[in-house]
Amino acid sequence: ALQARAVPKAIDDLMERYGEVVDESKDDAELLKLLKAENLKRQMAMFTSQETIRQRVVALCEVVSAVAEHTLPEEVRLRMESDRLIRLAKQGDDVDLGQVLDFANVVRGKLTVEVISAKHIPRLDAFSKSDPYCVLIVERSAAPGDGVQEPFGRTETRKNDHSPTWNETFGVDTMASAETHLVVAILDDDKGD
């Protein structure tokens, strides 16, 4: 009688796994329990697969972000970060509005600095006057001293001079935001003569 009617594939699979032939005279409760158990197994397998895929997507996104960090222009990276923060805010995550505004307010241009002179530089060498020079650095960070530093200018060294005059001009193409700082450092050249 079983051969005469078509058996659904799911029931056929169950019969194959558990070695039972469904008898029409038996209560369907046993078959329903087996179907529910199989359905739970299938759902768990799907959940596990989805979680594995999610983890791989997260890992792939981290790799893509790292590649983007080193290959995309800074302007594009900043716009992407701003867009990411806006998406997080839309999803209900806590986002500092200042960060979004900082990333959105980026100015591209040329920074020109003229180093004219310094006065009354303290003596750093025990037996001679200072040999000062000036270094100019663009620093991108949330706070001075903890970011990426890009030196873009260095004056000539003025030998034995506590009040040097340089009159030198330096320029750099840069992108500036609220996290961009100009660092000017006057150092003593200890190379000697």
Protein backbone atom coordinates (compact mmCIF):
# COMPACT_ATOMS: atom_id res chain seq x y z
CA ALA A 1 0.00 0.00 0.00
CA LEU A 2 2.94 2.32 0.77
CA GLN A 3 4.47 1.81 -2.68
CA ALA A 4 1.22 2.81 -4.38
CA ARG A 5 1.11 6.39 -3.02
CA ALA A 6 3.79 9.02 -3.41
CA VAL A 7 5.86 9.58 -0.23
CA PRO A 8 7.19 13.11 0.34
CA LYS A 9 11.00 13.35 0.29
CA ALA A 10 11.22 14.55 3.93
CA ILE A 11 9.27 11.52 5.15
CA ASP A 12 11.28 9.23 2.89
CA ASP A 13 14.52 10.68 4.39
CA LEU A 14 13.19 10.14 7.92
CA MET A 15 12.28 6.54 7.19
CA GLU A 16 15.74 5.97 5.73
CA ARG A 17 17.49 7.48 8.79
CA TYR A 18 15.42 5.84 11.48
CA GLY A 19 14.63 2.58 9.69
CA GLU A 20 10.94 2.79 10.24
CA VAL A 21 8.21 2.46 7.72
CA VAL A 22 5.30 4.71 8.40
CA ASP A 23 2.28 2.61 9.02
CA GLU A 24 -1.00 4.31 8.27
CA SER A 25 -2.63 2.57 11.20
CA LYS A 26 -0.13 4.10 13.71
CA ASP A 27 -0.59 7.48 15.30
CA ASP A 28 1.16 10.31 13.45
CA ALA A 29 2.47 11.71 16.75
CA GLU A 30 5.72 9.74 16.46
CA LEU A 31 6.26 10.95 12.92
CA LEU A 32 5.56 14.56 13.98
CA LYS A 33 8.16 14.27 16.77
CA LEU A 34 10.73 13.05 14.27
CA LEU A 35 9.84 15.82 11.83
CA LYS A 36 10.15 18.44 14.59
CA ALA A 37 13.52 17.01 15.67
CA GLU A 38 14.75 17.08 12.08
CA ASN A 39 13.46 20.62 11.62
CA LEU A 40 15.34 21.75 14.77
CA LYS A 41 18.52 20.10 13.49
CA ARG A 42 18.09 21.87 10.14
CA GLN A 43 17.49 25.23 11.82
CA MET A 44 20.55 24.78 14.04
CA ALA A 45 22.68 23.86 11.03
CA MET A 46 21.40 26.94 9.18
CA PHE A 47 22.08 29.18 12.19
CA THR A 48 25.60 27.77 12.51
CA SER A 49 26.20 28.33 8.79
CA GLN A 50 24.84 31.87 8.99
CA GLU A 51 27.04 32.66 12.00
CA THR A 52 30.10 31.29 10.21
CA ILE A 53 29.29 33.38 7.15
CA ARG A 54 28.74 36.46 9.36
CA GLN A 55 32.13 35.96 11.04
CA ARG A 56 33.82 35.60 7.65
CA VAL A 57 32.12 38.76 6.37
CA VAL A 58 33.29 40.68 9.45
CA ALA A 59 36.85 39.40 8.93
CA LEU A 60 36.70 40.31 5.24
CA CYS A 61 35.42 43.81 6.09
CA GLU A 62 38.37 44.29 8.45
CA VAL A 63 40.79 43.26 5.68
CA VAL A 64 39.11 45.58 3.18
CA SER A 65 39.23 48.43 5.71
CA ALA A 66 42.93 47.84 6.31
CA VAL A 67 43.62 47.86 2.56
CA ALA A 68 41.51 51.00 2.15
CA GLU A 69 43.43 52.67 4.99
CA HIS A 70 46.65 52.32 3.02
CA THR A 71 45.41 52.84 -0.54
CA LEU A 72 42.52 55.30 -0.60
CA PRO A 73 43.11 59.05 -0.44
CA GLU A 74 42.62 60.48 3.02
CA GLU A 75 39.64 62.54 1.89
CA VAL A 76 37.80 59.38 0.80
CA ARG A 77 38.72 57.54 4.03
CA LEU A 78 37.42 60.42 6.14
CA ARG A 79 34.15 60.52 4.18
CA MET A 80 33.77 56.73 4.61
CA GLU A 81 34.34 57.04 8.36
CA SER A 82 31.78 59.85 8.56
CA ASP A 83 29.25 57.72 6.64
CA ARG A 84 29.96 54.75 8.94
CA LEU A 85 29.31 56.87 12.04
CA ILE A 86 26.06 58.17 10.55
CA ARG A 87 24.92 54.57 9.80
CA LEU A 88 25.71 53.58 13.40
CA ALA A 89 23.68 56.52 14.69
CA LYS A 90 20.72 55.52 12.48
CA GLN A 91 20.91 51.98 13.92
CA GLY A 92 20.57 53.42 17.41
CA ASP A 93 24.21 53.13 18.51
CA ASP A 94 25.71 55.92 20.61
CA VAL A 95 27.81 58.12 18.34
CA ASP A 96 29.60 61.31 19.29
CA LEU A 97 28.14 63.98 17.00
CA GLY A 98 31.44 65.85 17.25
CA GLN A 99 33.19 62.95 15.51
CA VAL A 100 30.74 63.07 12.61
CA LEU A 101 31.14 66.83 12.26
CA ASP A 102 34.92 66.59 12.50
CA PHE A 103 35.06 64.03 9.69
CA ALA A 104 32.65 66.08 7.60
CA ASN A 105 34.62 69.32 8.07
CA VAL A 106 37.85 68.51 6.33
CA VAL A 107 39.67 71.19 4.37
CA ARG A 108 42.11 70.32 1.60
CA GLY A 109 44.73 72.87 0.70
CA LYS A 110 48.32 74.02 0.93
CA LEU A 111 49.73 75.03 4.29
CA THR A 112 52.53 77.59 4.04
CA VAL A 113 54.65 78.44 7.07
CA GLU A 114 57.36 81.09 7.20
CA VAL A 115 59.95 80.52 9.91
CA ILE A 116 61.42 83.94 10.65
CA SER A 117 63.41 83.79 13.88
CA ALA A 118 63.64 82.77 17.53
CA LYS A 119 64.86 84.77 20.50
CA HIS A 120 66.72 83.86 23.68
CA ILE A 121 67.01 80.11 23.16
CA PRO A 122 68.38 78.60 26.38
CA ARG A 123 71.85 77.07 26.35
CA LEU A 124 71.59 73.32 25.95
CA ASP A 125 75.29 72.53 25.55
CA ALA A 126 77.50 72.85 28.61
CA PHE A 127 80.51 74.37 26.84
CA SER A 128 79.12 76.14 23.78
CA LYS A 129 76.18 78.11 22.50
CA SER A 130 73.22 76.36 20.95
CA ASP A 131 73.20 75.27 17.32
CA PRO A 132 69.43 75.64 16.72
CA TYR A 133 67.30 74.51 13.81
CA CYS A 134 63.53 74.41 13.41
CA VAL A 135 61.39 71.46 12.33
CA LEU A 136 57.76 71.76 11.11
CA ILE A 137 55.40 68.81 11.49
CA VAL A 138 51.73 68.23 10.57
CA GLU A 139 50.15 65.94 13.16
CA ARG A 140 46.77 64.25 12.69
CA SER A 141 45.30 62.98 15.95
CA ALA A 142 42.60 63.34 18.56
CA ALA A 143 45.09 65.01 20.92
CA PRO A 144 48.54 66.54 20.39
CA GLY A 145 51.34 64.02 20.75
CA ASP A 146 49.47 60.80 19.98
CA GLY A 147 48.90 60.87 16.21
CA VAL A 148 50.55 60.42 12.86
CA GLN A 149 53.32 62.94 12.36
CA GLU A 150 54.42 64.14 8.91
CA PRO A 151 57.51 66.39 8.96
CA PHE A 152 57.47 68.83 6.05
CA GLY A 153 60.14 71.42 6.79
CA ARG A 154 63.55 71.82 8.43
CA THR A 155 65.54 75.03 8.55
CA GLU A 156 69.28 75.25 8.28
CA THR A 157 71.26 74.98 11.50
CA ARG A 158 72.50 78.31 12.89
CA LYS A 159 75.82 77.66 14.65
CA ASN A 160 76.43 79.19 18.10
CA ASP A 161 73.35 81.42 18.00
CA HIS A 162 70.84 81.95 20.85
CA SER A 163 68.65 84.25 18.71
CA PRO A 164 68.75 82.77 15.21
CA THR A 165 67.15 84.28 12.10
CA TRP A 166 66.11 81.88 9.35
CA ASN A 167 63.61 83.61 7.02
CA GLU A 168 62.74 80.30 5.36
CA THR A 169 59.35 79.33 3.92
CA PHE A 170 57.92 75.81 3.76
CA GLY A 171 54.72 74.46 2.23
CA VAL A 172 52.84 71.20 2.27
CA ASP A 173 49.66 69.96 0.59
CA THR A 174 47.46 68.64 3.37
CA MET A 175 43.98 67.96 4.61
CA ALA A 176 43.12 69.69 7.85
CA SER A 177 40.36 68.96 10.34
CA ALA A 178 39.83 69.62 14.03
CA GLU A 179 42.32 66.80 14.71
CA THR A 180 45.13 68.40 12.68
CA HIS A 181 47.87 70.24 14.53
CA LEU A 182 50.95 72.15 13.43
CA VAL A 183 53.96 71.24 15.57
CA VAL A 184 56.92 73.63 15.55
CA ALA A 185 60.01 72.34 17.30
CA ILE A 186 63.32 74.12 17.80
CA LEU A 187 66.09 71.63 18.37
CA ASP A 188 69.83 71.77 19.03
CA ASP A 189 72.09 70.21 16.40
CA ASP A 190 74.58 68.12 18.35
CA LYS A 191 76.58 66.97 15.30
CA GLY A 192 79.34 69.45 16.09
CA ASP A 193 81.69 70.97 13.50
